[in-house]
Amino acid sequence: MKLYYQQYELPFQYPFTISNGRTKTHQPTLIVALQLGNYIGYGEAPAITYYNITVEQMIADIEAKKSMIEKFAFTEVERYWHYLHHLIPNNPFLVCALDMAAWDLMGKMKQKPLYELWGTSWQAAAKTDYTIGIDTIDKMVAKMKAKPWPIYKIKLGTPEDISIMKALRSNTDAVFRVDANAGWTTGEALEKIPQLAALGVEFVEQPLAKDNWEGMKELFRVSPLPLLADESCVFEHDVEKCHNHFHGINIKLTKCSGITPALRMIQKARSLNMKVMMGCMNESTIGSAAIGNFIPQLDYVDMDGPLLLTEDRAKGLLYDNGNVSLSGKPGLGIEII
């Protein structure tokens, strides 16, 4: 195989802010390509600062291991993921990008979209939400009005949380999902979640710090809303830890190290009777198409990266009022632009 890569800074339509005041105006991302004969597979990994992996680090790891990455005798994607997992043990983001490219490559070689390779048929049951980042109340309402959508994911974690939600609710009957990004204490969550339930919120994602297991156990017992793990569920072994602390998990391909482990995480969550969401980390259409192929296996999906960004690196996804359509082409189903 031959490996190619390119880094990009994709601008957001609005500055993107989550709890603890983390704001960004651009999404750094790495696009990789694996070529085998006439076939080329593409993958993507955005850089997220609070996971301490930068695009520069991904590139450094590629350059250090490039010959080893390319020399693998590619016949099975799962075997390739295990090889990469041990070859680059401290960079799950890069492993994800390469694993995604390998799945795209395999799909093109077998002339099937990924969801067919996984034995599923296309059923776009789960609609994607659209994220409203933290801002002043007036600006959050304005962002929502500028993008009429059936489901909104609202970033919270401020002293104004309930005022924000009341203002938003007074302007729409859409479904609300709340993501606190680990921004609440146990006491705050106990106080706010019943009020959010009264405002018609569907579920709350990651209310407490990722390691506040005692607090989550308490919330799990009394919460009137389903609780989904994000920062508390990074890798495969975290799924079982989240059982009886959360009602479901939010899988992020980039942080769990790719499509291959995500498939196993879904199986594990289902065996524990937990709900499954797949979320984005502001990927372009490349990474978002990978998420889209999982839709038949999901209860909820958050894949609005291309809707939040003003530049893209591929086409092949169609968004229509929350519904997502794939091209049906082999692999990820995308075309690089």
C-alpha atoms as a PDB file:
ATOM      1  CA  MET A   1       0.000   0.000   0.000  1.00  0.00           C
ATOM      2  CA  LYS A   2       0.891   3.640  -0.366  1.00  0.00           C
ATOM      3  CA  LEU A   3      -0.026   6.207   2.276  1.00  0.00           C
ATOM      4  CA  TYR A   4      -0.715   9.878   1.573  1.00  0.00           C
ATOM      5  CA  TYR A   5      -1.948  12.613   3.894  1.00  0.00           C
ATOM      6  CA  GLN A   6      -2.921  16.274   4.035  1.00  0.00           C
ATOM      7  CA  GLN A   7      -3.795  18.582   6.912  1.00  0.00           C
ATOM      8  CA  TYR A   8      -6.543  21.205   6.843  1.00  0.00           C
ATOM      9  CA  GLU A   9      -8.020  23.971   9.010  1.00  0.00           C
ATOM     10  CA  LEU A  10     -11.762  23.895   8.368  1.00  0.00           C
ATOM     11  CA  PRO A  11     -13.591  27.074   9.478  1.00  0.00           C
ATOM     12  CA  PHE A  12     -16.772  26.971  11.575  1.00  0.00           C
ATOM     13  CA  GLN A  13     -19.793  29.030  10.606  1.00  0.00           C
ATOM     14  CA  TYR A  14     -19.927  30.290  14.209  1.00  0.00           C
ATOM     15  CA  PRO A  15     -17.250  30.167  16.940  1.00  0.00           C
ATOM     16  CA  PHE A  16     -17.836  26.796  18.624  1.00  0.00           C
ATOM     17  CA  THR A  17     -17.916  26.887  22.425  1.00  0.00           C
ATOM     18  CA  ILE A  18     -18.554  24.115  24.959  1.00  0.00           C
ATOM     19  CA  SER A  19     -18.366  23.983  28.768  1.00  0.00           C
ATOM     20  CA  ASN A  20     -15.313  25.387  30.562  1.00  0.00           C
ATOM     21  CA  GLY A  21     -15.034  28.128  27.947  1.00  0.00           C
ATOM     22  CA  ARG A  22     -13.356  26.025  25.251  1.00  0.00           C
ATOM     23  CA  THR A  23     -13.868  27.905  21.970  1.00  0.00           C
ATOM     24  CA  LYS A  24     -12.530  27.377  18.471  1.00  0.00           C
ATOM     25  CA  THR A  25     -13.115  29.058  15.123  1.00  0.00           C
ATOM     26  CA  HIS A  26     -11.496  26.354  12.963  1.00  0.00           C
ATOM     27  CA  GLN A  27     -11.336  22.579  13.124  1.00  0.00           C
ATOM     28  CA  PRO A  28      -7.840  21.173  12.476  1.00  0.00           C
ATOM     29  CA  THR A  29      -8.136  17.830  10.722  1.00  0.00           C
ATOM     30  CA  LEU A  30      -5.948  15.229   9.025  1.00  0.00           C
ATOM     31  CA  ILE A  31      -7.082  13.432   5.868  1.00  0.00           C
ATOM     32  CA  VAL A  32      -5.280  10.213   4.951  1.00  0.00           C
ATOM     33  CA  ALA A  33      -5.428   8.056   1.835  1.00  0.00           C
ATOM     34  CA  LEU A  34      -4.399   4.412   1.419  1.00  0.00           C
ATOM     35  CA  GLN A  35      -3.808   3.251  -2.153  1.00  0.00           C
ATOM     36  CA  LEU A  36      -3.706  -0.389  -3.192  1.00  0.00           C
ATOM     37  CA  GLY A  37      -3.550  -0.887  -6.952  1.00  0.00           C
ATOM     38  CA  ASN A  38      -6.269   1.205  -8.556  1.00  0.00           C
ATOM     39  CA  TYR A  39      -8.241   1.588  -5.324  1.00  0.00           C
ATOM     40  CA  ILE A  40      -7.909   4.486  -2.859  1.00  0.00           C
ATOM     41  CA  GLY A  41      -9.519   4.614   0.570  1.00  0.00           C
ATOM     42  CA  TYR A  42      -9.897   7.801   2.607  1.00  0.00           C
ATOM     43  CA  GLY A  43     -10.013   8.469   6.326  1.00  0.00           C
ATOM     44  CA  GLU A  44     -10.132  11.462   8.632  1.00  0.00           C
ATOM     45  CA  ALA A  45      -9.180  12.376  12.192  1.00  0.00           C
ATOM     46  CA  PRO A  46      -9.916  15.823  13.620  1.00  0.00           C
ATOM     47  CA  ALA A  47      -7.592  17.125  16.337  1.00  0.00           C
ATOM     48  CA  ILE A  48      -9.259  17.771  19.701  1.00  0.00           C
ATOM     49  CA  THR A  49      -7.142  19.712  22.192  1.00  0.00           C
ATOM     50  CA  TYR A  50      -8.550  18.193  25.389  1.00  0.00           C
ATOM     51  CA  TYR A  51      -7.478  14.733  24.181  1.00  0.00           C
ATOM     52  CA  ASN A  52      -3.937  16.067  23.723  1.00  0.00           C
ATOM     53  CA  ILE A  53      -3.484  14.892  20.151  1.00  0.00           C
ATOM     54  CA  THR A  54      -2.656  17.436  17.476  1.00  0.00           C
ATOM     55  CA  VAL A  55      -2.491  17.154  13.713  1.00  0.00           C
ATOM     56  CA  GLU A  56       1.251  17.763  14.024  1.00  0.00           C
ATOM     57  CA  GLN A  57       1.560  14.755  16.340  1.00  0.00           C
ATOM     58  CA  MET A  58      -0.396  12.569  13.915  1.00  0.00           C
ATOM     59  CA  ILE A  59       1.900  13.623  11.080  1.00  0.00           C
ATOM     60  CA  ALA A  60       5.004  12.981  13.195  1.00  0.00           C
ATOM     61  CA  ASP A  61       3.754   9.473  13.975  1.00  0.00           C
ATOM     62  CA  ILE A  62       3.039   8.846  10.299  1.00  0.00           C
ATOM     63  CA  GLU A  63       6.527   9.898   9.302  1.00  0.00           C
ATOM     64  CA  ALA A  64       8.089   7.753  12.026  1.00  0.00           C
ATOM     65  CA  LYS A  65       6.102   4.629  11.031  1.00  0.00           C
ATOM     66  CA  LYS A  66       5.229   5.233   7.379  1.00  0.00           C
ATOM     67  CA  SER A  67       7.160   2.307   5.939  1.00  0.00           C
ATOM     68  CA  MET A  68       5.616  -0.054   8.503  1.00  0.00           C
ATOM     69  CA  ILE A  69       2.108   1.274   7.829  1.00  0.00           C
ATOM     70  CA  GLU A  70       2.561   0.748   4.085  1.00  0.00           C
ATOM     71  CA  LYS A  71       4.173  -2.690   4.130  1.00  0.00           C
ATOM     72  CA  PHE A  72       1.254  -4.567   5.756  1.00  0.00           C
ATOM     73  CA  ALA A  73      -0.206  -7.296   3.516  1.00  0.00           C
ATOM     74  CA  PHE A  74      -3.750  -5.960   3.421  1.00  0.00           C
ATOM     75  CA  THR A  75      -6.404  -8.682   3.267  1.00  0.00           C
ATOM     76  CA  GLU A  76      -8.626  -8.058   6.320  1.00  0.00           C
ATOM     77  CA  VAL A  77      -9.482  -4.705   7.879  1.00  0.00           C
ATOM     78  CA  GLU A  78      -9.730  -6.127  11.396  1.00  0.00           C
ATOM     79  CA  ARG A  79      -6.209  -7.582  11.184  1.00  0.00           C
ATOM     80  CA  TYR A  80      -4.917  -4.255   9.898  1.00  0.00           C
ATOM     81  CA  TRP A  81      -6.520  -2.414  12.822  1.00  0.00           C
ATOM     82  CA  HIS A  82      -4.835  -4.772  15.321  1.00  0.00           C
ATOM     83  CA  TYR A  83      -1.527  -4.207  13.559  1.00  0.00           C
ATOM     84  CA  LEU A  84      -1.946  -0.429  13.697  1.00  0.00           C
ATOM     85  CA  HIS A  85      -3.193  -0.540  17.295  1.00  0.00           C
ATOM     86  CA  HIS A  86       0.108  -2.111  18.374  1.00  0.00           C
ATOM     87  CA  LEU A  87       2.264  -0.150  15.930  1.00  0.00           C
ATOM     88  CA  ILE A  88       0.932   3.255  17.080  1.00  0.00           C
ATOM     89  CA  PRO A  89      -0.332   2.559  20.622  1.00  0.00           C
ATOM     90  CA  ASN A  90      -0.423   6.161  21.826  1.00  0.00           C
ATOM     91  CA  ASN A  91      -2.301   7.768  18.957  1.00  0.00           C
ATOM     92  CA  PRO A  92      -5.857   6.394  18.600  1.00  0.00           C
ATOM     93  CA  PHE A  93      -6.796   9.385  16.423  1.00  0.00           C
ATOM     94  CA  LEU A  94      -4.296   8.394  13.734  1.00  0.00           C
ATOM     95  CA  VAL A  95      -5.263   4.738  14.042  1.00  0.00           C
ATOM     96  CA  CYS A  96      -8.871   5.817  13.453  1.00  0.00           C
ATOM     97  CA  ALA A  97      -8.023   7.718  10.272  1.00  0.00           C
ATOM     98  CA  LEU A  98      -6.075   4.757   8.889  1.00  0.00           C
ATOM     99  CA  ASP A  99      -8.733   2.234   9.931  1.00  0.00           C
ATOM    100  CA  MET A 100     -11.416   4.372   8.255  1.00  0.00           C
ATOM    101  CA  ALA A 101      -9.347   4.530   5.075  1.00  0.00           C
ATOM    102  CA  ALA A 102      -8.873   0.759   5.214  1.00  0.00           C
ATOM    103  CA  TRP A 103     -12.634   0.181   5.456  1.00  0.00           C
ATOM    104  CA  ASP A 104     -13.226   2.584   2.557  1.00  0.00           C
ATOM    105  CA  LEU A 105     -10.587   0.716   0.583  1.00  0.00           C
ATOM    106  CA  MET A 106     -12.132  -2.684   1.344  1.00  0.00           C
ATOM    107  CA  GLY A 107     -15.604  -1.472   0.431  1.00  0.00           C
ATOM    108  CA  LYS A 108     -14.344  -0.227  -2.913  1.00  0.00           C
ATOM    109  CA  MET A 109     -12.485  -3.479  -3.557  1.00  0.00           C
ATOM    110  CA  LYS A 110     -15.639  -5.492  -2.805  1.00  0.00           C
ATOM    111  CA  GLN A 111     -17.904  -2.945  -4.517  1.00  0.00           C
ATOM    112  CA  LYS A 112     -20.180  -2.555  -1.492  1.00  0.00           C
ATOM    113  CA  PRO A 113     -21.019   0.326   0.836  1.00  0.00           C
ATOM    114  CA  LEU A 114     -19.835  -0.253   4.392  1.00  0.00           C
ATOM    115  CA  TYR A 115     -23.279  -0.835   5.845  1.00  0.00           C
ATOM    116  CA  GLU A 116     -23.693  -3.785   3.453  1.00  0.00           C
ATOM    117  CA  LEU A 117     -20.278  -5.179   4.397  1.00  0.00           C
ATOM    118  CA  TRP A 118     -21.562  -5.181   8.003  1.00  0.00           C
ATOM    119  CA  GLY A 119     -24.698  -7.109   7.097  1.00  0.00           C
ATOM    120  CA  THR A 120     -27.140  -4.225   7.559  1.00  0.00           C
ATOM    121  CA  SER A 121     -29.601  -2.678   5.151  1.00  0.00           C
ATOM    122  CA  TRP A 122     -30.089   1.048   4.767  1.00  0.00           C
ATOM    123  CA  GLN A 123     -32.694   2.313   7.176  1.00  0.00           C
ATOM    124  CA  ALA A 124     -32.346   5.983   7.965  1.00  0.00           C
ATOM    125  CA  ALA A 125     -34.330   5.704  11.191  1.00  0.00           C
ATOM    126  CA  ALA A 126     -32.084   7.903  13.338  1.00  0.00           C
ATOM    127  CA  LYS A 127     -32.120  11.586  12.436  1.00  0.00           C
ATOM    128  CA  THR A 128     -29.070  13.706  13.099  1.00  0.00           C
ATOM    129  CA  ASP A 129     -29.286  16.628  15.462  1.00  0.00           C
ATOM    130  CA  TYR A 130     -27.831  20.084  14.869  1.00  0.00           C
ATOM    131  CA  THR A 131     -25.585  21.501  17.599  1.00  0.00           C
ATOM    132  CA  ILE A 132     -25.985  24.904  19.224  1.00  0.00           C
ATOM    133  CA  GLY A 133     -22.743  25.851  20.978  1.00  0.00           C
ATOM    134  CA  ILE A 134     -22.612  27.942  24.136  1.00  0.00           C
ATOM    135  CA  ASP A 135     -23.032  31.674  23.573  1.00  0.00           C
ATOM    136  CA  THR A 136     -25.155  34.496  24.891  1.00  0.00           C
ATOM    137  CA  ILE A 137     -28.820  33.558  25.114  1.00  0.00           C
ATOM    138  CA  ASP A 138     -29.778  35.888  22.270  1.00  0.00           C
ATOM    139  CA  LYS A 139     -27.084  34.472  20.015  1.00  0.00           C
ATOM    140  CA  MET A 140     -28.038  30.861  20.802  1.00  0.00           C
ATOM    141  CA  VAL A 141     -31.660  31.636  19.933  1.00  0.00           C
ATOM    142  CA  ALA A 142     -30.514  33.368  16.733  1.00  0.00           C
ATOM    143  CA  LYS A 143     -28.375  30.363  15.730  1.00  0.00           C
ATOM    144  CA  MET A 144     -31.324  28.062  16.244  1.00  0.00           C
ATOM    145  CA  LYS A 145     -33.680  30.261  14.232  1.00  0.00           C
ATOM    146  CA  ALA A 146     -31.118  30.470  11.420  1.00  0.00           C
ATOM    147  CA  LYS A 147     -31.143  26.661  11.117  1.00  0.00           C
ATOM    148  CA  PRO A 148     -34.673  25.231  11.396  1.00  0.00           C
ATOM    149  CA  TRP A 149     -34.165  21.581  12.374  1.00  0.00           C
ATOM    150  CA  PRO A 150     -36.206  18.810  14.048  1.00  0.00           C
ATOM    151  CA  ILE A 151     -33.596  17.970  16.698  1.00  0.00           C
ATOM    152  CA  TYR A 152     -31.117  20.277  18.431  1.00  0.00           C
ATOM    153  CA  LYS A 153     -28.186  19.319  20.593  1.00  0.00           C
ATOM    154  CA  ILE A 154     -27.668  22.121  23.101  1.00  0.00           C
ATOM    155  CA  LYS A 155     -24.280  22.611  24.714  1.00  0.00           C
ATOM    156  CA  LEU A 156     -24.635  23.554  28.380  1.00  0.00           C
ATOM    157  CA  GLY A 157     -22.413  23.935  31.439  1.00  0.00           C
ATOM    158  CA  THR A 158     -22.982  27.546  32.494  1.00  0.00           C
ATOM    159  CA  PRO A 159     -24.815  29.312  35.332  1.00  0.00           C
ATOM    160  CA  GLU A 160     -27.445  30.294  32.734  1.00  0.00           C
ATOM    161  CA  ASP A 161     -28.310  26.756  31.626  1.00  0.00           C
ATOM    162  CA  ILE A 162     -31.983  26.769  32.553  1.00  0.00           C
ATOM    163  CA  SER A 163     -32.513  30.301  31.249  1.00  0.00           C
ATOM    164  CA  ILE A 164     -30.904  29.222  27.965  1.00  0.00           C
ATOM    165  CA  MET A 165     -33.211  26.226  27.645  1.00  0.00           C
ATOM    166  CA  LYS A 166     -36.337  28.224  28.499  1.00  0.00           C
ATOM    167  CA  ALA A 167     -35.460  30.830  25.879  1.00  0.00           C
ATOM    168  CA  LEU A 168     -34.816  28.186  23.239  1.00  0.00           C
ATOM    169  CA  ARG A 169     -37.968  26.283  24.095  1.00  0.00           C
ATOM    170  CA  SER A 170     -40.076  29.412  23.784  1.00  0.00           C
ATOM    171  CA  ASN A 171     -39.013  29.582  20.127  1.00  0.00           C
ATOM    172  CA  THR A 172     -39.442  25.977  18.941  1.00  0.00           C
ATOM    173  CA  ASP A 173     -41.182  22.666  19.554  1.00  0.00           C
ATOM    174  CA  ALA A 174     -38.179  20.721  18.228  1.00  0.00           C
ATOM    175  CA  VAL A 175     -36.612  17.845  20.149  1.00  0.00           C
ATOM    176  CA  PHE A 176     -33.840  18.982  22.500  1.00  0.00           C
ATOM    177  CA  ARG A 177     -30.807  16.978  23.556  1.00  0.00           C
ATOM    178  CA  VAL A 178     -28.463  18.414  26.165  1.00  0.00           C
ATOM    179  CA  ASP A 179     -24.696  17.922  26.303  1.00  0.00           C
ATOM    180  CA  ALA A 180     -23.020  19.251  29.441  1.00  0.00           C
ATOM    181  CA  ASN A 181     -19.551  18.028  28.365  1.00  0.00           C
ATOM    182  CA  ALA A 182     -18.786  17.007  31.971  1.00  0.00           C
ATOM    183  CA  GLY A 183     -19.541  20.557  33.106  1.00  0.00           C
ATOM    184  CA  TRP A 184     -21.778  19.937  36.140  1.00  0.00           C
ATOM    185  CA  THR A 185     -21.241  18.842  39.708  1.00  0.00           C
ATOM    186  CA  THR A 186     -23.481  16.095  41.041  1.00  0.00           C
ATOM    187  CA  GLY A 187     -25.541  18.670  42.924  1.00  0.00           C
ATOM    188  CA  GLU A 188     -25.994  20.832  39.830  1.00  0.00           C
ATOM    189  CA  ALA A 189     -27.082  17.842  37.786  1.00  0.00           C
ATOM    190  CA  LEU A 190     -29.595  16.752  40.428  1.00  0.00           C
ATOM    191  CA  GLU A 191     -31.074  20.246  40.375  1.00  0.00           C
ATOM    192  CA  LYS A 192     -31.036  20.864  36.626  1.00  0.00           C
ATOM    193  CA  ILE A 193     -32.077  17.533  35.111  1.00  0.00           C
ATOM    194  CA  PRO A 194     -35.676  17.570  36.463  1.00  0.00           C
ATOM    195  CA  GLN A 195     -36.068  21.104  35.099  1.00  0.00           C
ATOM    196  CA  LEU A 196     -34.730  19.965  31.731  1.00  0.00           C
ATOM    197  CA  ALA A 197     -37.206  17.092  31.738  1.00  0.00           C
ATOM    198  CA  ALA A 198     -40.017  19.598  32.247  1.00  0.00           C
ATOM    199  CA  LEU A 199     -38.721  21.482  29.190  1.00  0.00           C
ATOM    200  CA  GLY A 200     -39.047  18.408  26.985  1.00  0.00           C
ATOM    201  CA  VAL A 201     -35.398  17.373  26.784  1.00  0.00           C
ATOM    202  CA  GLU A 202     -34.896  13.883  25.316  1.00  0.00           C
ATOM    203  CA  PHE A 203     -31.687  12.935  27.144  1.00  0.00           C
ATOM    204  CA  VAL A 204     -28.602  14.372  28.810  1.00  0.00           C
ATOM    205  CA  GLU A 205     -25.106  13.574  27.606  1.00  0.00           C
ATOM    206  CA  GLN A 206     -22.141  13.430  29.990  1.00  0.00           C
ATOM    207  CA  PRO A 207     -23.508  15.518  32.879  1.00  0.00           C
ATOM    208  CA  LEU A 208     -20.546  14.933  35.245  1.00  0.00           C
ATOM    209  CA  ALA A 209     -16.767  14.681  35.105  1.00  0.00           C
ATOM    210  CA  LYS A 210     -15.620  11.573  33.285  1.00  0.00           C
ATOM    211  CA  ASP A 211     -14.313   9.906  36.453  1.00  0.00           C
ATOM    212  CA  ASN A 212     -17.178  10.865  38.786  1.00  0.00           C
ATOM    213  CA  TRP A 213     -18.551   7.329  38.931  1.00  0.00           C
ATOM    214  CA  GLU A 214     -20.135   7.723  42.365  1.00  0.00           C
ATOM    215  CA  GLY A 215     -22.011  10.800  41.228  1.00  0.00           C
ATOM    216  CA  MET A 216     -23.168   9.026  38.082  1.00  0.00           C
ATOM    217  CA  LYS A 217     -24.385   6.066  40.109  1.00  0.00           C
ATOM    218  CA  GLU A 218     -26.532   8.436  42.159  1.00  0.00           C
ATOM    219  CA  LEU A 219     -27.840  10.244  39.085  1.00  0.00           C
ATOM    220  CA  PHE A 220     -28.577   6.955  37.333  1.00  0.00           C
ATOM    221  CA  ARG A 221     -30.882   5.925  40.196  1.00  0.00           C
ATOM    222  CA  VAL A 222     -32.995   9.089  40.209  1.00  0.00           C
ATOM    223  CA  SER A 223     -32.704  10.824  36.830  1.00  0.00           C
ATOM    224  CA  PRO A 224     -36.017  11.346  35.031  1.00  0.00           C
ATOM    225  CA  LEU A 225     -34.066  11.514  31.755  1.00  0.00           C
ATOM    226  CA  PRO A 226     -31.783   8.962  30.058  1.00  0.00           C
ATOM    227  CA  LEU A 227     -28.080   9.666  30.616  1.00  0.00           C
ATOM    228  CA  LEU A 228     -25.526   8.982  27.869  1.00  0.00           C
ATOM    229  CA  ALA A 229     -21.780   8.634  28.359  1.00  0.00           C
ATOM    230  CA  ASP A 230     -19.340  10.504  26.145  1.00  0.00           C
ATOM    231  CA  GLU A 231     -16.106  11.468  27.909  1.00  0.00           C
ATOM    232  CA  SER A 232     -16.628   8.488  30.253  1.00  0.00           C
ATOM    233  CA  CYS A 233     -16.755   6.084  27.303  1.00  0.00           C
ATOM    234  CA  VAL A 234     -13.671   6.415  25.149  1.00  0.00           C
ATOM    235  CA  PHE A 235     -12.410   2.885  24.484  1.00  0.00           C
ATOM    236  CA  GLU A 236     -13.946  -0.574  24.288  1.00  0.00           C
ATOM    237  CA  HIS A 237     -13.251  -1.450  27.919  1.00  0.00           C
ATOM    238  CA  ASP A 238     -15.208   1.613  29.036  1.00  0.00           C
ATOM    239  CA  VAL A 239     -18.552   0.272  27.807  1.00  0.00           C
ATOM    240  CA  GLU A 240     -18.967  -2.200  30.654  1.00  0.00           C
ATOM    241  CA  LYS A 241     -17.816   0.428  33.192  1.00  0.00           C
ATOM    242  CA  CYS A 242     -20.666   2.657  32.038  1.00  0.00           C
ATOM    243  CA  HIS A 243     -23.275  -0.043  32.648  1.00  0.00           C
ATOM    244  CA  ASN A 244     -25.547   0.885  35.586  1.00  0.00           C
ATOM    245  CA  HIS A 245     -24.095   4.401  35.554  1.00  0.00           C
ATOM    246  CA  PHE A 246     -25.466   5.522  32.176  1.00  0.00           C
ATOM    247  CA  HIS A 247     -28.421   4.413  30.086  1.00  0.00           C
ATOM    248  CA  GLY A 248     -26.406   4.516  26.903  1.00  0.00           C
ATOM    249  CA  ILE A 249     -23.104   5.405  25.284  1.00  0.00           C
ATOM    250  CA  ASN A 250     -22.010   7.911  22.660  1.00  0.00           C
ATOM    251  CA  ILE A 251     -19.307   6.378  20.480  1.00  0.00           C
ATOM    252  CA  LYS A 252     -16.831   8.708  18.778  1.00  0.00           C
ATOM    253  CA  LEU A 253     -14.839   6.989  16.040  1.00  0.00           C
ATOM    254  CA  THR A 254     -11.829   9.261  16.448  1.00  0.00           C
ATOM    255  CA  LYS A 255     -11.320   8.738  20.155  1.00  0.00           C
ATOM    256  CA  CYS A 256     -12.120   4.993  20.255  1.00  0.00           C
ATOM    257  CA  SER A 257      -9.544   4.459  17.456  1.00  0.00           C
ATOM    258  CA  GLY A 258     -11.768   3.693  14.532  1.00  0.00           C
ATOM    259  CA  ILE A 259     -14.592   1.831  12.876  1.00  0.00           C
ATOM    260  CA  THR A 260     -13.299  -1.615  13.874  1.00  0.00           C
ATOM    261  CA  PRO A 261     -13.528  -1.129  17.668  1.00  0.00           C
ATOM    262  CA  ALA A 262     -16.761   0.869  17.289  1.00  0.00           C
ATOM    263  CA  LEU A 263     -18.463  -2.192  15.789  1.00  0.00           C
ATOM    264  CA  ARG A 264     -17.469  -4.211  18.845  1.00  0.00           C
ATOM    265  CA  MET A 265     -18.574  -1.427  21.211  1.00  0.00           C
ATOM    266  CA  ILE A 266     -22.056  -1.516  19.698  1.00  0.00           C
ATOM    267  CA  GLN A 267     -22.262  -5.267  20.196  1.00  0.00           C
ATOM    268  CA  LYS A 268     -21.174  -4.934  23.821  1.00  0.00           C
ATOM    269  CA  ALA A 269     -23.621  -2.130  24.554  1.00  0.00           C
ATOM    270  CA  ARG A 270     -26.488  -4.120  23.048  1.00  0.00           C
ATOM    271  CA  SER A 271     -25.574  -7.120  25.180  1.00  0.00           C
ATOM    272  CA  LEU A 272     -25.924  -4.851  28.231  1.00  0.00           C
ATOM    273  CA  ASN A 273     -29.264  -3.476  27.001  1.00  0.00           C
ATOM    274  CA  MET A 274     -27.808   0.024  26.617  1.00  0.00           C
ATOM    275  CA  LYS A 275     -28.771   2.646  24.052  1.00  0.00           C
ATOM    276  CA  VAL A 276     -26.231   3.508  21.360  1.00  0.00           C
ATOM    277  CA  MET A 277     -25.478   6.910  19.913  1.00  0.00           C
ATOM    278  CA  MET A 278     -22.675   7.794  17.564  1.00  0.00           C
ATOM    279  CA  GLY A 279     -21.352  11.325  17.690  1.00  0.00           C
ATOM    280  CA  CYS A 280     -19.031  13.492  15.683  1.00  0.00           C
ATOM    281  CA  MET A 281     -15.992  15.568  16.499  1.00  0.00           C
ATOM    282  CA  ASN A 282     -16.693  18.118  13.761  1.00  0.00           C
ATOM    283  CA  GLU A 283     -15.441  15.926  10.930  1.00  0.00           C
ATOM    284  CA  SER A 284     -15.888  16.905   7.315  1.00  0.00           C
ATOM    285  CA  THR A 285     -17.991  14.731   5.014  1.00  0.00           C
ATOM    286  CA  ILE A 286     -15.261  12.055   5.020  1.00  0.00           C
ATOM    287  CA  GLY A 287     -15.513  11.217   8.713  1.00  0.00           C
ATOM    288  CA  SER A 288     -19.233  11.990   8.771  1.00  0.00           C
ATOM    289  CA  ALA A 289     -19.894   9.448   6.008  1.00  0.00           C
ATOM    290  CA  ALA A 290     -18.247   6.802   8.176  1.00  0.00           C
ATOM    291  CA  ILE A 291     -20.715   7.680  10.947  1.00  0.00           C
ATOM    292  CA  GLY A 292     -23.575   7.644   8.441  1.00  0.00           C
ATOM    293  CA  ASN A 293     -22.907   4.043   7.486  1.00  0.00           C
ATOM    294  CA  PHE A 294     -23.602   3.099  11.116  1.00  0.00           C
ATOM    295  CA  ILE A 295     -27.110   4.623  11.143  1.00  0.00           C
ATOM    296  CA  PRO A 296     -28.936   1.265  10.783  1.00  0.00           C
ATOM    297  CA  GLN A 297     -27.276   0.165  14.057  1.00  0.00           C
ATOM    298  CA  LEU A 298     -27.959   3.326  16.110  1.00  0.00           C
ATOM    299  CA  ASP A 299     -30.651   4.739  18.360  1.00  0.00           C
ATOM    300  CA  TYR A 300     -29.345   8.301  18.030  1.00  0.00           C
ATOM    301  CA  VAL A 301     -26.846  10.020  15.773  1.00  0.00           C
ATOM    302  CA  ASP A 302     -24.974  13.324  15.922  1.00  0.00           C
ATOM    303  CA  MET A 303     -23.193  13.864  12.601  1.00  0.00           C
ATOM    304  CA  ASP A 304     -23.618  17.569  11.929  1.00  0.00           C
ATOM    305  CA  GLY A 305     -19.958  18.394  11.282  1.00  0.00           C
ATOM    306  CA  PRO A 306     -20.514  19.342   7.622  1.00  0.00           C
ATOM    307  CA  LEU A 307     -23.440  21.552   8.708  1.00  0.00           C
ATOM    308  CA  LEU A 308     -21.288  23.447  11.217  1.00  0.00           C
ATOM    309  CA  LEU A 309     -18.315  23.966   8.885  1.00  0.00           C
ATOM    310  CA  THR A 310     -18.099  26.334   5.925  1.00  0.00           C
ATOM    311  CA  GLU A 311     -15.570  24.247   3.966  1.00  0.00           C
ATOM    312  CA  ASP A 312     -15.544  20.542   3.153  1.00  0.00           C
ATOM    313  CA  ARG A 313     -13.189  17.968   1.675  1.00  0.00           C
ATOM    314  CA  ALA A 314     -15.689  15.580   0.058  1.00  0.00           C
ATOM    315  CA  LYS A 315     -19.267  15.150  -1.130  1.00  0.00           C
ATOM    316  CA  GLY A 316     -21.677  12.237  -0.964  1.00  0.00           C
ATOM    317  CA  LEU A 317     -23.882  13.018   2.044  1.00  0.00           C
ATOM    318  CA  LEU A 318     -27.293  14.644   1.776  1.00  0.00           C
ATOM    319  CA  TYR A 319     -28.920  16.275   4.791  1.00  0.00           C
ATOM    320  CA  ASP A 320     -32.655  16.935   4.641  1.00  0.00           C
ATOM    321  CA  ASN A 321     -34.353  18.199   7.805  1.00  0.00           C
ATOM    322  CA  GLY A 322     -32.456  15.753   9.998  1.00  0.00           C
ATOM    323  CA  ASN A 323     -32.636  12.810   7.598  1.00  0.00           C
ATOM    324  CA  VAL A 324     -29.318  11.624   6.169  1.00  0.00           C
ATOM    325  CA  SER A 325     -28.934   9.999   2.758  1.00  0.00           C
ATOM    326  CA  LEU A 326     -25.809   8.211   1.543  1.00  0.00           C
ATOM    327  CA  SER A 327     -24.791   7.943  -2.089  1.00  0.00           C
ATOM    328  CA  GLY A 328     -24.883   4.142  -2.090  1.00  0.00           C
ATOM    329  CA  LYS A 329     -21.447   4.059  -3.707  1.00  0.00           C
ATOM    330  CA  PRO A 330     -18.878   1.520  -2.429  1.00  0.00           C
ATOM    331  CA  GLY A 331     -16.948   2.101   0.776  1.00  0.00           C
ATOM    332  CA  LEU A 332     -17.742   5.311   2.617  1.00  0.00           C
ATOM    333  CA  GLY A 333     -19.774   6.442  -0.385  1.00  0.00           C
ATOM    334  CA  ILE A 334     -17.931   9.724  -0.880  1.00  0.00           C
ATOM    335  CA  GLU A 335     -16.165  11.620  -3.615  1.00  0.00           C
ATOM    336  CA  ILE A 336     -13.158  13.778  -2.708  1.00  0.00           C
ATOM    337  CA  ILE A 337     -13.349  17.421  -3.803  1.00  0.00           C
END
